[in-house]
Amino acid sequence: MENTASSIPSKMKAWVYSEHGKPVDVLKLDLNYDVPQLKEDQVLIKVVAAALNPVDFKRMLGMFIHSDSPLPSVPGYDVAGVVLKVGSQVRTLKEGDEVYGNINEKGLDRPKRSGTLAEYTVAEENLLALKPKNLGFIEAAAIPLAIGTAYEGRQKTALSAGKSILVLGGAGGVGTMVIQLAKHVFGASKVAATSSSAKLELLKSLGADLAIDYTKDNFEDLPEKFDVIYDAVGQSERAVKAIKEGGKVVTIEPVGELAEPAFRFILTSSGAMLETLNPFLENGKVKPVIDPRGTFAFSQIPQAFSYLETGRVTGKIVIHPIP
């Protein structure tokens, strides 16, 4: 294993932006970018697959400039890969382990400048988990940020067995995970979700009892009200009209005014959360959802971001293979 670590190059291929703007304009492929330095509590990962998230292009647009890291920056949060080297304080992970995770504990609080859209990245040991045995790297890369956001939202709304939930944006990366966790892990009595007409069957296949076509029906006009509304699309003003008295509306949209009693949160990631959910991934109760367009090659990352920016992605976009 020493040979593996000693053969790690000092430079790598990485997608980098040095100014703010649309990804297709500011992202540049750097063939000679520095491999990130390893801290004592971190591991160096050979990236096999990485997933895109809306936060990536919103950062590139400069929406979080006051809490962001200085430029230049390599985007990317989600990773699935192989541990190549471990820091001196790493106790559990070892070289050769196949891991996955979100490399940023606080997504908008000075995230790492060396993200996952590169040949190598680093992450603290406590942000990673062993990859579920039944999933490939592509599937595993699609999971961490979305499932973490779904899981933490459930904690903050106290969703539990017997309660009903409405998921706004049920076909997106987070929405697909909220539906599955609510139905198959936390025992919600009823799961409703919104999507466009073409994605209603997907919602049902994930566990939605009621699939609402937002192009035809206004969910707030339904006679039924819900204990919890998970807003993944920024519609809290409408959502509060569909909540039961004493219910909770949570949104993950990081900007804009909120209507009472809705509240927002920003994900705090952890490997322990992934380890808690690994059994549900390994027994197939919870499955990653990857857009029908499949994966994009490393060379196509600007095009992948352009597709993500349309807001029409089903589940997640994954980048694979990484050189």
C-alpha atoms as a PDB file:
ATOM      1  CA  MET A   1       0.000   0.000   0.000  1.00  0.00           C
ATOM      2  CA  GLU A   2       2.950   2.323   0.509  1.00  0.00           C
ATOM      3  CA  ASN A   3       3.620   2.102  -3.203  1.00  0.00           C
ATOM      4  CA  THR A   4       0.106   3.375  -3.895  1.00  0.00           C
ATOM      5  CA  ALA A   5       0.564   6.434  -1.718  1.00  0.00           C
ATOM      6  CA  SER A   6       4.039   7.194  -2.998  1.00  0.00           C
ATOM      7  CA  SER A   7       2.848   7.084  -6.607  1.00  0.00           C
ATOM      8  CA  ILE A   8       0.308   9.895  -6.129  1.00  0.00           C
ATOM      9  CA  PRO A   9       1.203  12.763  -8.473  1.00  0.00           C
ATOM     10  CA  SER A  10       1.476  16.375  -7.335  1.00  0.00           C
ATOM     11  CA  LYS A  11      -0.702  17.630 -10.212  1.00  0.00           C
ATOM     12  CA  MET A  12      -4.097  16.543 -11.539  1.00  0.00           C
ATOM     13  CA  LYS A  13      -6.872  17.322 -13.992  1.00  0.00           C
ATOM     14  CA  ALA A  14      -9.602  19.500 -12.486  1.00  0.00           C
ATOM     15  CA  TRP A  15     -12.443  21.765 -13.557  1.00  0.00           C
ATOM     16  CA  VAL A  16     -11.780  25.195 -12.080  1.00  0.00           C
ATOM     17  CA  TYR A  17     -13.475  28.578 -12.045  1.00  0.00           C
ATOM     18  CA  SER A  18     -11.573  31.762 -11.247  1.00  0.00           C
ATOM     19  CA  GLU A  19     -14.442  34.229 -11.664  1.00  0.00           C
ATOM     20  CA  HIS A  20     -18.191  34.201 -11.133  1.00  0.00           C
ATOM     21  CA  GLY A  21     -20.633  33.581 -13.956  1.00  0.00           C
ATOM     22  CA  LYS A  22     -22.523  30.825 -15.746  1.00  0.00           C
ATOM     23  CA  PRO A  23     -20.689  27.490 -15.550  1.00  0.00           C
ATOM     24  CA  VAL A  24     -20.449  27.176 -19.337  1.00  0.00           C
ATOM     25  CA  ASP A  25     -18.595  30.508 -19.370  1.00  0.00           C
ATOM     26  CA  VAL A  26     -16.346  30.304 -16.299  1.00  0.00           C
ATOM     27  CA  LEU A  27     -15.471  26.603 -15.897  1.00  0.00           C
ATOM     28  CA  LYS A  28     -12.078  25.738 -17.380  1.00  0.00           C
ATOM     29  CA  LEU A  29     -10.307  22.394 -17.509  1.00  0.00           C
ATOM     30  CA  ASP A  30      -6.918  22.693 -15.792  1.00  0.00           C
ATOM     31  CA  LEU A  31      -4.567  19.845 -16.684  1.00  0.00           C
ATOM     32  CA  ASN A  32      -1.982  20.889 -14.102  1.00  0.00           C
ATOM     33  CA  TYR A  33      -3.923  21.695 -10.925  1.00  0.00           C
ATOM     34  CA  ASP A  34      -2.350  21.022  -7.540  1.00  0.00           C
ATOM     35  CA  VAL A  35      -3.475  17.825  -5.818  1.00  0.00           C
ATOM     36  CA  PRO A  36      -4.888  19.024  -2.469  1.00  0.00           C
ATOM     37  CA  GLN A  37      -2.661  18.691   0.579  1.00  0.00           C
ATOM     38  CA  LEU A  38      -3.761  16.115   3.126  1.00  0.00           C
ATOM     39  CA  LYS A  39      -4.533  17.241   6.691  1.00  0.00           C
ATOM     40  CA  GLU A  40      -4.120  14.928   9.683  1.00  0.00           C
ATOM     41  CA  ASP A  41      -7.840  14.088   9.963  1.00  0.00           C
ATOM     42  CA  GLN A  42      -8.415  13.685   6.225  1.00  0.00           C
ATOM     43  CA  VAL A  43      -8.083  11.023   3.552  1.00  0.00           C
ATOM     44  CA  LEU A  44      -7.025  11.511  -0.056  1.00  0.00           C
ATOM     45  CA  ILE A  45      -9.580  10.033  -2.461  1.00  0.00           C
ATOM     46  CA  LYS A  46      -9.158   8.950  -6.064  1.00  0.00           C
ATOM     47  CA  VAL A  47     -12.446  10.196  -7.467  1.00  0.00           C
ATOM     48  CA  VAL A  48     -14.250   7.504  -9.467  1.00  0.00           C
ATOM     49  CA  ALA A  49     -17.596   9.305  -9.787  1.00  0.00           C
ATOM     50  CA  ALA A  50     -18.995  12.641  -8.660  1.00  0.00           C
ATOM     51  CA  ALA A  51     -22.472  14.172  -8.733  1.00  0.00           C
ATOM     52  CA  LEU A  52     -23.631  17.694  -9.478  1.00  0.00           C
ATOM     53  CA  ASN A  53     -25.865  19.739  -7.193  1.00  0.00           C
ATOM     54  CA  PRO A  54     -27.649  23.070  -7.680  1.00  0.00           C
ATOM     55  CA  VAL A  55     -25.441  24.594  -4.977  1.00  0.00           C
ATOM     56  CA  ASP A  56     -22.472  24.142  -7.338  1.00  0.00           C
ATOM     57  CA  PHE A  57     -23.786  26.429 -10.067  1.00  0.00           C
ATOM     58  CA  LYS A  58     -25.299  28.854  -7.545  1.00  0.00           C
ATOM     59  CA  ARG A  59     -21.848  29.273  -6.031  1.00  0.00           C
ATOM     60  CA  MET A  60     -20.396  29.834  -9.494  1.00  0.00           C
ATOM     61  CA  LEU A  61     -23.008  32.515 -10.112  1.00  0.00           C
ATOM     62  CA  GLY A  62     -21.801  34.297  -6.966  1.00  0.00           C
ATOM     63  CA  MET A  63     -25.019  33.851  -4.975  1.00  0.00           C
ATOM     64  CA  PHE A  64     -23.149  33.008  -1.745  1.00  0.00           C
ATOM     65  CA  ILE A  65     -20.103  35.189  -2.212  1.00  0.00           C
ATOM     66  CA  HIS A  66     -20.022  36.411   1.413  1.00  0.00           C
ATOM     67  CA  SER A  67     -19.724  32.907   2.861  1.00  0.00           C
ATOM     68  CA  ASP A  68     -17.901  31.230  -0.002  1.00  0.00           C
ATOM     69  CA  SER A  69     -14.235  30.303  -0.247  1.00  0.00           C
ATOM     70  CA  PRO A  70     -11.836  32.472  -2.259  1.00  0.00           C
ATOM     71  CA  LEU A  71     -11.310  31.734  -5.934  1.00  0.00           C
ATOM     72  CA  PRO A  72     -10.033  29.818  -7.836  1.00  0.00           C
ATOM     73  CA  SER A  73     -12.192  26.868  -6.848  1.00  0.00           C
ATOM     74  CA  VAL A  74     -12.961  23.343  -8.002  1.00  0.00           C
ATOM     75  CA  PRO A  75     -16.724  22.700  -7.626  1.00  0.00           C
ATOM     76  CA  GLY A  76     -18.283  19.480  -6.416  1.00  0.00           C
ATOM     77  CA  TYR A  77     -19.628  18.077  -3.136  1.00  0.00           C
ATOM     78  CA  ASP A  78     -20.624  14.451  -3.761  1.00  0.00           C
ATOM     79  CA  VAL A  79     -17.922  11.841  -4.253  1.00  0.00           C
ATOM     80  CA  ALA A  80     -17.530   8.095  -4.589  1.00  0.00           C
ATOM     81  CA  GLY A  81     -14.006   6.782  -4.838  1.00  0.00           C
ATOM     82  CA  VAL A  82     -11.065   4.921  -3.362  1.00  0.00           C
ATOM     83  CA  VAL A  83      -8.930   5.995  -0.413  1.00  0.00           C
ATOM     84  CA  LEU A  84      -5.325   6.429  -1.554  1.00  0.00           C
ATOM     85  CA  LYS A  85      -3.757   7.922   1.557  1.00  0.00           C
ATOM     86  CA  VAL A  86      -4.799   8.606   5.144  1.00  0.00           C
ATOM     87  CA  GLY A  87      -3.789  11.348   7.577  1.00  0.00           C
ATOM     88  CA  SER A  88      -2.026  10.544  10.842  1.00  0.00           C
ATOM     89  CA  GLN A  89      -5.187  11.008  12.926  1.00  0.00           C
ATOM     90  CA  VAL A  90      -7.438   8.818  10.747  1.00  0.00           C
ATOM     91  CA  ARG A  91      -8.507   5.818  12.790  1.00  0.00           C
ATOM     92  CA  THR A  92     -11.079   3.829  10.815  1.00  0.00           C
ATOM     93  CA  LEU A  93     -10.554   4.251   7.097  1.00  0.00           C
ATOM     94  CA  LYS A  94      -7.558   2.752   5.347  1.00  0.00           C
ATOM     95  CA  GLU A  95      -5.933   2.794   1.943  1.00  0.00           C
ATOM     96  CA  GLY A  96      -7.981   0.866  -0.598  1.00  0.00           C
ATOM     97  CA  ASP A  97     -11.363   1.461   1.082  1.00  0.00           C
ATOM     98  CA  GLU A  98     -14.226   2.291  -1.284  1.00  0.00           C
ATOM     99  CA  VAL A  99     -15.987   5.313   0.209  1.00  0.00           C
ATOM    100  CA  TYR A 100     -18.657   7.884  -0.534  1.00  0.00           C
ATOM    101  CA  GLY A 101     -19.792  11.128   1.018  1.00  0.00           C
ATOM    102  CA  ASN A 102     -20.244  14.879   0.838  1.00  0.00           C
ATOM    103  CA  ILE A 103     -16.803  16.434   1.352  1.00  0.00           C
ATOM    104  CA  ASN A 104     -18.191  19.648   2.909  1.00  0.00           C
ATOM    105  CA  GLU A 105     -19.664  19.455   6.395  1.00  0.00           C
ATOM    106  CA  LYS A 106     -21.250  22.918   6.060  1.00  0.00           C
ATOM    107  CA  GLY A 107     -22.252  23.412   2.456  1.00  0.00           C
ATOM    108  CA  LEU A 108     -22.172  27.218   2.398  1.00  0.00           C
ATOM    109  CA  ASP A 109     -19.610  27.951   5.117  1.00  0.00           C
ATOM    110  CA  ARG A 110     -16.242  28.248   3.346  1.00  0.00           C
ATOM    111  CA  PRO A 111     -16.536  24.972   1.395  1.00  0.00           C
ATOM    112  CA  LYS A 112     -13.368  23.288   0.196  1.00  0.00           C
ATOM    113  CA  ARG A 113     -11.625  24.947  -2.723  1.00  0.00           C
ATOM    114  CA  SER A 114     -10.677  21.508  -4.070  1.00  0.00           C
ATOM    115  CA  GLY A 115     -14.037  19.902  -4.768  1.00  0.00           C
ATOM    116  CA  THR A 116     -14.911  16.584  -6.364  1.00  0.00           C
ATOM    117  CA  LEU A 117     -14.867  17.504 -10.068  1.00  0.00           C
ATOM    118  CA  ALA A 118     -11.230  16.504 -10.263  1.00  0.00           C
ATOM    119  CA  GLU A 119      -9.052  13.398 -10.290  1.00  0.00           C
ATOM    120  CA  TYR A 120      -8.435  13.625  -6.543  1.00  0.00           C
ATOM    121  CA  THR A 121     -10.064  15.271  -3.549  1.00  0.00           C
ATOM    122  CA  VAL A 122      -9.700  15.232   0.227  1.00  0.00           C
ATOM    123  CA  ALA A 123     -12.291  14.864   2.969  1.00  0.00           C
ATOM    124  CA  GLU A 124     -12.343  14.492   6.725  1.00  0.00           C
ATOM    125  CA  GLU A 125     -12.808  10.902   7.855  1.00  0.00           C
ATOM    126  CA  ASN A 126     -16.008  11.797   9.736  1.00  0.00           C
ATOM    127  CA  LEU A 127     -17.705  12.941   6.505  1.00  0.00           C
ATOM    128  CA  LEU A 128     -17.283   9.611   4.732  1.00  0.00           C
ATOM    129  CA  ALA A 129     -18.785   6.140   4.913  1.00  0.00           C
ATOM    130  CA  LEU A 130     -17.948   2.867   3.241  1.00  0.00           C
ATOM    131  CA  LYS A 131     -19.772   2.572  -0.061  1.00  0.00           C
ATOM    132  CA  PRO A 132     -22.888   0.346   0.143  1.00  0.00           C
ATOM    133  CA  LYS A 133     -21.835  -3.117  -1.014  1.00  0.00           C
ATOM    134  CA  ASN A 134     -24.631  -3.454  -3.580  1.00  0.00           C
ATOM    135  CA  LEU A 135     -24.026  -0.116  -5.303  1.00  0.00           C
ATOM    136  CA  GLY A 136     -21.500   0.852  -7.917  1.00  0.00           C
ATOM    137  CA  PHE A 137     -19.554   4.099  -7.736  1.00  0.00           C
ATOM    138  CA  ILE A 138     -21.959   5.884 -10.093  1.00  0.00           C
ATOM    139  CA  GLU A 139     -24.966   5.050  -7.925  1.00  0.00           C
ATOM    140  CA  ALA A 140     -23.133   5.859  -4.696  1.00  0.00           C
ATOM    141  CA  ALA A 141     -22.027   9.279  -5.959  1.00  0.00           C
ATOM    142  CA  ALA A 142     -25.670  10.231  -6.520  1.00  0.00           C
ATOM    143  CA  ILE A 143     -26.594   9.793  -2.874  1.00  0.00           C
ATOM    144  CA  PRO A 144     -24.746  11.785  -0.179  1.00  0.00           C
ATOM    145  CA  LEU A 145     -25.892  15.413  -0.366  1.00  0.00           C
ATOM    146  CA  ALA A 146     -29.438  14.545  -1.431  1.00  0.00           C
ATOM    147  CA  ILE A 147     -30.047  11.852   1.172  1.00  0.00           C
ATOM    148  CA  GLY A 148     -28.404  13.955   3.876  1.00  0.00           C
ATOM    149  CA  THR A 149     -30.638  16.908   3.067  1.00  0.00           C
ATOM    150  CA  ALA A 150     -33.707  14.667   3.054  1.00  0.00           C
ATOM    151  CA  TYR A 151     -32.728  13.032   6.355  1.00  0.00           C
ATOM    152  CA  GLU A 152     -31.939  16.259   8.200  1.00  0.00           C
ATOM    153  CA  GLY A 153     -35.153  17.855   6.983  1.00  0.00           C
ATOM    154  CA  ARG A 154     -37.045  14.928   8.450  1.00  0.00           C
ATOM    155  CA  GLN A 155     -35.261  15.439  11.778  1.00  0.00           C
ATOM    156  CA  LYS A 156     -36.101  19.151  11.862  1.00  0.00           C
ATOM    157  CA  THR A 157     -39.785  18.564  11.090  1.00  0.00           C
ATOM    158  CA  ALA A 158     -40.067  15.593  13.475  1.00  0.00           C
ATOM    159  CA  LEU A 159     -41.689  13.495  10.765  1.00  0.00           C
ATOM    160  CA  SER A 160     -42.576  10.156  12.327  1.00  0.00           C
ATOM    161  CA  ALA A 161     -44.759   7.123  11.775  1.00  0.00           C
ATOM    162  CA  GLY A 162     -48.395   8.008  11.260  1.00  0.00           C
ATOM    163  CA  LYS A 163     -47.819  11.556  10.013  1.00  0.00           C
ATOM    164  CA  SER A 164     -48.548  12.760   6.499  1.00  0.00           C
ATOM    165  CA  ILE A 165     -46.082  14.616   4.274  1.00  0.00           C
ATOM    166  CA  LEU A 166     -46.260  16.576   1.028  1.00  0.00           C
ATOM    167  CA  VAL A 167     -43.037  16.833  -0.987  1.00  0.00           C
ATOM    168  CA  LEU A 168     -42.805  19.800  -3.372  1.00  0.00           C
ATOM    169  CA  GLY A 169     -40.456  18.903  -6.199  1.00  0.00           C
ATOM    170  CA  GLY A 170     -40.691  15.178  -5.703  1.00  0.00           C
ATOM    171  CA  ALA A 171     -38.737  14.199  -8.819  1.00  0.00           C
ATOM    172  CA  GLY A 172     -35.582  16.160  -8.005  1.00  0.00           C
ATOM    173  CA  GLY A 173     -32.464  14.909  -6.295  1.00  0.00           C
ATOM    174  CA  VAL A 174     -33.643  15.719  -2.762  1.00  0.00           C
ATOM    175  CA  GLY A 175     -37.334  15.102  -3.429  1.00  0.00           C
ATOM    176  CA  THR A 176     -36.789  11.529  -4.614  1.00  0.00           C
ATOM    177  CA  MET A 177     -34.940  10.808  -1.370  1.00  0.00           C
ATOM    178  CA  VAL A 178     -37.540  12.507   0.855  1.00  0.00           C
ATOM    179  CA  ILE A 179     -40.302  10.340  -0.643  1.00  0.00           C
ATOM    180  CA  GLN A 180     -38.351   7.134  -0.094  1.00  0.00           C
ATOM    181  CA  LEU A 181     -37.221   7.937   3.443  1.00  0.00           C
ATOM    182  CA  ALA A 182     -40.683   9.094   4.486  1.00  0.00           C
ATOM    183  CA  LYS A 183     -42.365   5.970   3.145  1.00  0.00           C
ATOM    184  CA  HIS A 184     -39.837   3.191   3.638  1.00  0.00           C
ATOM    185  CA  VAL A 185     -37.770   4.326   6.640  1.00  0.00           C
ATOM    186  CA  PHE A 186     -39.918   6.609   8.812  1.00  0.00           C
ATOM    187  CA  GLY A 187     -43.361   5.116   8.183  1.00  0.00           C
ATOM    188  CA  ALA A 188     -45.313   8.184   7.119  1.00  0.00           C
ATOM    189  CA  SER A 189     -49.042   7.447   6.941  1.00  0.00           C
ATOM    190  CA  LYS A 190     -49.378   9.236   3.614  1.00  0.00           C
ATOM    191  CA  VAL A 191     -46.802  10.584   1.182  1.00  0.00           C
ATOM    192  CA  ALA A 192     -47.897  13.071  -1.464  1.00  0.00           C
ATOM    193  CA  ALA A 193     -45.557  14.730  -3.949  1.00  0.00           C
ATOM    194  CA  THR A 194     -45.640  17.137  -6.881  1.00  0.00           C
ATOM    195  CA  SER A 195     -44.035  16.838 -10.296  1.00  0.00           C
ATOM    196  CA  SER A 196     -44.743  17.426 -13.967  1.00  0.00           C
ATOM    197  CA  SER A 197     -47.033  15.037 -15.831  1.00  0.00           C
ATOM    198  CA  ALA A 198     -44.242  12.859 -17.214  1.00  0.00           C
ATOM    199  CA  LYS A 199     -42.803  12.083 -13.777  1.00  0.00           C
ATOM    200  CA  LEU A 200     -45.921  11.083 -11.855  1.00  0.00           C
ATOM    201  CA  GLU A 201     -45.287   7.362 -12.286  1.00  0.00           C
ATOM    202  CA  LEU A 202     -41.760   7.789 -10.942  1.00  0.00           C
ATOM    203  CA  LEU A 203     -43.162   9.379  -7.777  1.00  0.00           C
ATOM    204  CA  LYS A 204     -45.509   6.431  -7.289  1.00  0.00           C
ATOM    205  CA  SER A 205     -42.717   3.928  -7.868  1.00  0.00           C
ATOM    206  CA  LEU A 206     -40.679   5.598  -5.122  1.00  0.00           C
ATOM    207  CA  GLY A 207     -43.531   5.309  -2.628  1.00  0.00           C
ATOM    208  CA  ALA A 208     -45.795   8.324  -3.148  1.00  0.00           C
ATOM    209  CA  ASP A 209     -49.428   7.530  -2.329  1.00  0.00           C
ATOM    210  CA  LEU A 210     -50.600  10.668  -4.115  1.00  0.00           C
ATOM    211  CA  ALA A 211     -48.772  12.085  -7.144  1.00  0.00           C
ATOM    212  CA  ILE A 212     -49.877  15.643  -7.966  1.00  0.00           C
ATOM    213  CA  ASP A 213     -49.372  17.102 -11.432  1.00  0.00           C
ATOM    214  CA  TYR A 214     -48.377  20.702 -10.750  1.00  0.00           C
ATOM    215  CA  THR A 215     -49.170  21.656 -14.340  1.00  0.00           C
ATOM    216  CA  LYS A 216     -52.845  20.814 -13.739  1.00  0.00           C
ATOM    217  CA  ASP A 217     -53.529  21.088 -10.012  1.00  0.00           C
ATOM    218  CA  ASN A 218     -52.638  23.554  -7.266  1.00  0.00           C
ATOM    219  CA  PHE A 219     -51.672  21.502  -4.237  1.00  0.00           C
ATOM    220  CA  GLU A 220     -52.838  24.239  -1.843  1.00  0.00           C
ATOM    221  CA  ASP A 221     -56.377  23.954  -3.239  1.00  0.00           C
ATOM    222  CA  LEU A 222     -56.691  20.287  -2.275  1.00  0.00           C
ATOM    223  CA  PRO A 223     -59.084  19.639   0.630  1.00  0.00           C
ATOM    224  CA  GLU A 224     -56.430  17.523   2.334  1.00  0.00           C
ATOM    225  CA  LYS A 225     -53.860  19.204   4.595  1.00  0.00           C
ATOM    226  CA  PHE A 226     -50.543  17.738   5.745  1.00  0.00           C
ATOM    227  CA  ASP A 227     -48.530  17.364   8.954  1.00  0.00           C
ATOM    228  CA  VAL A 228     -45.264  18.138   7.167  1.00  0.00           C
ATOM    229  CA  ILE A 229     -44.450  19.872   3.892  1.00  0.00           C
ATOM    230  CA  TYR A 230     -40.946  19.476   2.513  1.00  0.00           C
ATOM    231  CA  ASP A 231     -40.376  22.266   0.005  1.00  0.00           C
ATOM    232  CA  ALA A 232     -37.512  21.488  -2.360  1.00  0.00           C
ATOM    233  CA  VAL A 233     -38.432  24.144  -4.937  1.00  0.00           C
ATOM    234  CA  GLY A 234     -38.993  27.409  -3.061  1.00  0.00           C
ATOM    235  CA  GLN A 235     -42.799  27.585  -2.726  1.00  0.00           C
ATOM    236  CA  SER A 236     -43.167  28.221   0.999  1.00  0.00           C
ATOM    237  CA  GLU A 237     -45.770  30.956   0.477  1.00  0.00           C
ATOM    238  CA  ARG A 238     -48.084  28.416  -1.120  1.00  0.00           C
ATOM    239  CA  ALA A 239     -47.009  25.591   1.166  1.00  0.00           C
ATOM    240  CA  VAL A 240     -48.214  27.267   4.360  1.00  0.00           C
ATOM    241  CA  LYS A 241     -51.749  27.153   2.919  1.00  0.00           C
ATOM    242  CA  ALA A 242     -51.626  23.353   2.777  1.00  0.00           C
ATOM    243  CA  ILE A 243     -50.309  22.653   6.268  1.00  0.00           C
ATOM    244  CA  LYS A 244     -52.336  21.347   9.199  1.00  0.00           C
ATOM    245  CA  GLU A 245     -52.533  23.522  12.273  1.00  0.00           C
ATOM    246  CA  GLY A 246     -49.349  22.889  14.231  1.00  0.00           C
ATOM    247  CA  GLY A 247     -47.661  21.347  11.206  1.00  0.00           C
ATOM    248  CA  LYS A 248     -44.241  22.255   9.842  1.00  0.00           C
ATOM    249  CA  VAL A 249     -43.029  23.561   6.490  1.00  0.00           C
ATOM    250  CA  VAL A 250     -39.327  23.218   5.760  1.00  0.00           C
ATOM    251  CA  THR A 251     -37.565  24.586   2.698  1.00  0.00           C
ATOM    252  CA  ILE A 252     -34.058  24.032   1.397  1.00  0.00           C
ATOM    253  CA  GLU A 253     -34.048  26.984  -0.967  1.00  0.00           C
ATOM    254  CA  PRO A 254     -31.246  29.119   0.491  1.00  0.00           C
ATOM    255  CA  VAL A 255     -32.534  32.528  -0.631  1.00  0.00           C
ATOM    256  CA  GLY A 256     -35.757  34.517  -0.571  1.00  0.00           C
ATOM    257  CA  GLU A 257     -38.344  35.532   2.001  1.00  0.00           C
ATOM    258  CA  LEU A 258     -40.149  32.855   3.976  1.00  0.00           C
ATOM    259  CA  ALA A 259     -43.827  32.779   4.808  1.00  0.00           C
ATOM    260  CA  GLU A 260     -44.660  31.899   8.426  1.00  0.00           C
ATOM    261  CA  PRO A 261     -44.426  29.240   9.798  1.00  0.00           C
ATOM    262  CA  ALA A 262     -41.999  27.929   7.175  1.00  0.00           C
ATOM    263  CA  PHE A 263     -38.308  27.669   8.036  1.00  0.00           C
ATOM    264  CA  ARG A 264     -35.156  26.790   6.132  1.00  0.00           C
ATOM    265  CA  PHE A 265     -31.984  24.928   6.934  1.00  0.00           C
ATOM    266  CA  ILE A 266     -28.607  24.289   5.353  1.00  0.00           C
ATOM    267  CA  LEU A 267     -27.347  20.719   5.505  1.00  0.00           C
ATOM    268  CA  THR A 268     -24.727  19.616   8.017  1.00  0.00           C
ATOM    269  CA  SER A 269     -23.163  16.466   6.517  1.00  0.00           C
ATOM    270  CA  SER A 270     -21.739  13.482   8.351  1.00  0.00           C
ATOM    271  CA  GLY A 271     -20.491  10.008   7.599  1.00  0.00           C
ATOM    272  CA  ALA A 272     -22.438   8.714  10.607  1.00  0.00           C
ATOM    273  CA  MET A 273     -25.718   9.661   8.907  1.00  0.00           C
ATOM    274  CA  LEU A 274     -24.684   7.727   5.784  1.00  0.00           C
ATOM    275  CA  GLU A 275     -23.751   4.735   7.937  1.00  0.00           C
ATOM    276  CA  THR A 276     -27.197   4.877   9.573  1.00  0.00           C
ATOM    277  CA  LEU A 277     -28.876   4.722   6.168  1.00  0.00           C
ATOM    278  CA  ASN A 278     -26.523   2.222   4.508  1.00  0.00           C
ATOM    279  CA  PRO A 279     -28.686  -0.769   5.564  1.00  0.00           C
ATOM    280  CA  PHE A 280     -31.706   0.729   3.761  1.00  0.00           C
ATOM    281  CA  LEU A 281     -29.595   1.273   0.650  1.00  0.00           C
ATOM    282  CA  GLU A 282     -28.154  -2.229   0.822  1.00  0.00           C
ATOM    283  CA  ASN A 283     -31.551  -3.909   1.207  1.00  0.00           C
ATOM    284  CA  GLY A 284     -32.995  -1.879  -1.666  1.00  0.00           C
ATOM    285  CA  LYS A 285     -35.642   0.021   0.313  1.00  0.00           C
ATOM    286  CA  VAL A 286     -33.962   3.286  -0.684  1.00  0.00           C
ATOM    287  CA  LYS A 287     -32.466   3.619  -4.152  1.00  0.00           C
ATOM    288  CA  PRO A 288     -30.473   6.321  -5.890  1.00  0.00           C
ATOM    289  CA  VAL A 289     -32.310   8.027  -8.749  1.00  0.00           C
ATOM    290  CA  ILE A 290     -30.160   9.081 -11.695  1.00  0.00           C
ATOM    291  CA  ASP A 291     -31.523  11.161 -14.546  1.00  0.00           C
ATOM    292  CA  PRO A 292     -32.523   9.159 -17.654  1.00  0.00           C
ATOM    293  CA  ARG A 293     -29.821  10.951 -19.617  1.00  0.00           C
ATOM    294  CA  GLY A 294     -27.523   8.930 -17.422  1.00  0.00           C
ATOM    295  CA  THR A 295     -24.029  10.093 -16.728  1.00  0.00           C
ATOM    296  CA  PHE A 296     -21.865  12.751 -18.311  1.00  0.00           C
ATOM    297  CA  ALA A 297     -18.204  12.276 -19.136  1.00  0.00           C
ATOM    298  CA  PHE A 298     -15.582  14.338 -17.303  1.00  0.00           C
ATOM    299  CA  SER A 299     -15.036  16.324 -20.496  1.00  0.00           C
ATOM    300  CA  GLN A 300     -18.753  17.225 -20.617  1.00  0.00           C
ATOM    301  CA  ILE A 301     -19.067  18.889 -17.209  1.00  0.00           C
ATOM    302  CA  PRO A 302     -19.986  22.350 -18.595  1.00  0.00           C
ATOM    303  CA  GLN A 303     -22.787  20.736 -20.648  1.00  0.00           C
ATOM    304  CA  ALA A 304     -23.898  18.775 -17.577  1.00  0.00           C
ATOM    305  CA  PHE A 305     -24.226  22.016 -15.635  1.00  0.00           C
ATOM    306  CA  SER A 306     -26.223  23.592 -18.453  1.00  0.00           C
ATOM    307  CA  TYR A 307     -28.677  20.701 -18.191  1.00  0.00           C
ATOM    308  CA  LEU A 308     -28.807  20.976 -14.391  1.00  0.00           C
ATOM    309  CA  GLU A 309     -29.608  24.691 -14.670  1.00  0.00           C
ATOM    310  CA  THR A 310     -32.789  23.925 -16.651  1.00  0.00           C
ATOM    311  CA  GLY A 311     -34.395  22.692 -13.428  1.00  0.00           C
ATOM    312  CA  ARG A 312     -35.794  19.678 -15.259  1.00  0.00           C
ATOM    313  CA  VAL A 313     -33.388  17.028 -14.033  1.00  0.00           C
ATOM    314  CA  THR A 314     -34.906  13.861 -12.587  1.00  0.00           C
ATOM    315  CA  GLY A 315     -32.915  12.730  -9.578  1.00  0.00           C
ATOM    316  CA  LYS A 316     -29.214  13.377  -9.977  1.00  0.00           C
ATOM    317  CA  ILE A 317     -26.571  13.975 -12.646  1.00  0.00           C
ATOM    318  CA  VAL A 318     -23.403  11.931 -12.215  1.00  0.00           C
ATOM    319  CA  ILE A 319     -19.970  12.507 -13.716  1.00  0.00           C
ATOM    320  CA  HIS A 320     -18.133   9.311 -14.696  1.00  0.00           C
ATOM    321  CA  PRO A 321     -15.533   8.239 -15.464  1.00  0.00           C
ATOM    322  CA  ILE A 322     -13.085  10.598 -13.845  1.00  0.00           C
ATOM    323  CA  PRO A 323      -9.691  10.343 -15.634  1.00  0.00           C
END
